[in-house]
């Protein structure tokens, strides 16, 4: 069954989840985790979005 279409309107909230299969770790090292966080904050600043957690 396909997922429902996302609602799109100014000010809409969207949730992104970053989790491995069977709750396994998704980063092989602390450096990889830091690189992901760095990319996330660059994108956050570029697109002027609110980041809650």
C-alpha atoms as a PDB file:
ATOM      1  CA  UNK A   1       0.000   0.000   0.000  1.00  0.00           C
ATOM      2  CA  UNK A   2       1.555   3.315  -1.023  1.00  0.00           C
ATOM      3  CA  UNK A   3       2.013   6.036   1.555  1.00  0.00           C
ATOM      4  CA  UNK A   4      -0.281   9.030   1.627  1.00  0.00           C
ATOM      5  CA  UNK A   5       0.847  12.212  -0.107  1.00  0.00           C
ATOM      6  CA  UNK A   6       2.561  14.757   2.114  1.00  0.00           C
ATOM      7  CA  UNK A   7       0.741  17.978   2.813  1.00  0.00           C
ATOM      8  CA  UNK A   8       2.599  20.957   1.394  1.00  0.00           C
ATOM      9  CA  UNK A   9       1.889  24.444   2.633  1.00  0.00           C
ATOM     10  CA  UNK A  10       3.914  27.333   4.099  1.00  0.00           C
ATOM     11  CA  UNK A  11       4.887  26.537   7.686  1.00  0.00           C
ATOM     12  CA  UNK A  12       4.187  22.798   7.424  1.00  0.00           C
ATOM     13  CA  UNK A  13       6.160  20.486   9.716  1.00  0.00           C
ATOM     14  CA  UNK A  14       8.070  17.530   8.293  1.00  0.00           C
ATOM     15  CA  UNK A  15       9.848  14.796  10.196  1.00  0.00           C
ATOM     16  CA  UNK A  16      13.019  13.076   9.050  1.00  0.00           C
ATOM     17  CA  UNK A  17      14.155   9.876  10.731  1.00  0.00           C
ATOM     18  CA  UNK A  18      17.672   8.511  10.545  1.00  0.00           C
ATOM     19  CA  UNK A  19      17.758   4.990  11.982  1.00  0.00           C
ATOM     20  CA  UNK A  20      19.375   1.712  10.956  1.00  0.00           C
ATOM     21  CA  UNK A  21      17.569  -1.537  10.263  1.00  0.00           C
ATOM     22  CA  UNK A  22      16.720  -3.422  13.453  1.00  0.00           C
ATOM     23  CA  UNK A  23      17.966  -0.370  15.394  1.00  0.00           C
ATOM     24  CA  UNK A  24      21.556  -1.072  14.377  1.00  0.00           C
ATOM     25  CA  UNK A  25      24.113   1.727  14.394  1.00  0.00           C
ATOM     26  CA  UNK A  26      24.175   3.684  11.141  1.00  0.00           C
ATOM     27  CA  UNK A  27      27.582   5.295  11.576  1.00  0.00           C
ATOM     28  CA  UNK A  28      30.750   3.218  11.548  1.00  0.00           C
ATOM     29  CA  UNK A  29      32.780   5.815  13.456  1.00  0.00           C
ATOM     30  CA  UNK A  30      32.493   8.996  15.477  1.00  0.00           C
ATOM     31  CA  UNK A  31      34.036  10.876  12.556  1.00  0.00           C
ATOM     32  CA  UNK A  32      31.252   9.680  10.219  1.00  0.00           C
ATOM     33  CA  UNK A  33      28.656  10.813  12.756  1.00  0.00           C
ATOM     34  CA  UNK A  34      30.279  14.245  12.969  1.00  0.00           C
ATOM     35  CA  UNK A  35      30.416  14.534   9.161  1.00  0.00           C
ATOM     36  CA  UNK A  36      26.681  13.800   8.945  1.00  0.00           C
ATOM     37  CA  UNK A  37      25.907  16.403  11.621  1.00  0.00           C
ATOM     38  CA  UNK A  38      28.049  18.948   9.774  1.00  0.00           C
ATOM     39  CA  UNK A  39      26.166  18.344   6.504  1.00  0.00           C
ATOM     40  CA  UNK A  40      22.856  18.574   8.336  1.00  0.00           C
ATOM     41  CA  UNK A  41      23.690  21.976   9.813  1.00  0.00           C
ATOM     42  CA  UNK A  42      24.968  23.300   6.470  1.00  0.00           C
ATOM     43  CA  UNK A  43      21.663  22.304   4.820  1.00  0.00           C
ATOM     44  CA  UNK A  44      19.699  23.729   7.759  1.00  0.00           C
ATOM     45  CA  UNK A  45      21.413  27.099   7.400  1.00  0.00           C
ATOM     46  CA  UNK A  46      21.127  27.130   3.593  1.00  0.00           C
ATOM     47  CA  UNK A  47      17.392  26.474   3.498  1.00  0.00           C
ATOM     48  CA  UNK A  48      16.458  28.528   6.574  1.00  0.00           C
ATOM     49  CA  UNK A  49      14.439  25.825   8.343  1.00  0.00           C
ATOM     50  CA  UNK A  50      13.784  25.141  12.008  1.00  0.00           C
ATOM     51  CA  UNK A  51      15.554  22.134  13.480  1.00  0.00           C
ATOM     52  CA  UNK A  52      13.932  20.807  16.639  1.00  0.00           C
ATOM     53  CA  UNK A  53      16.121  17.873  17.628  1.00  0.00           C
END
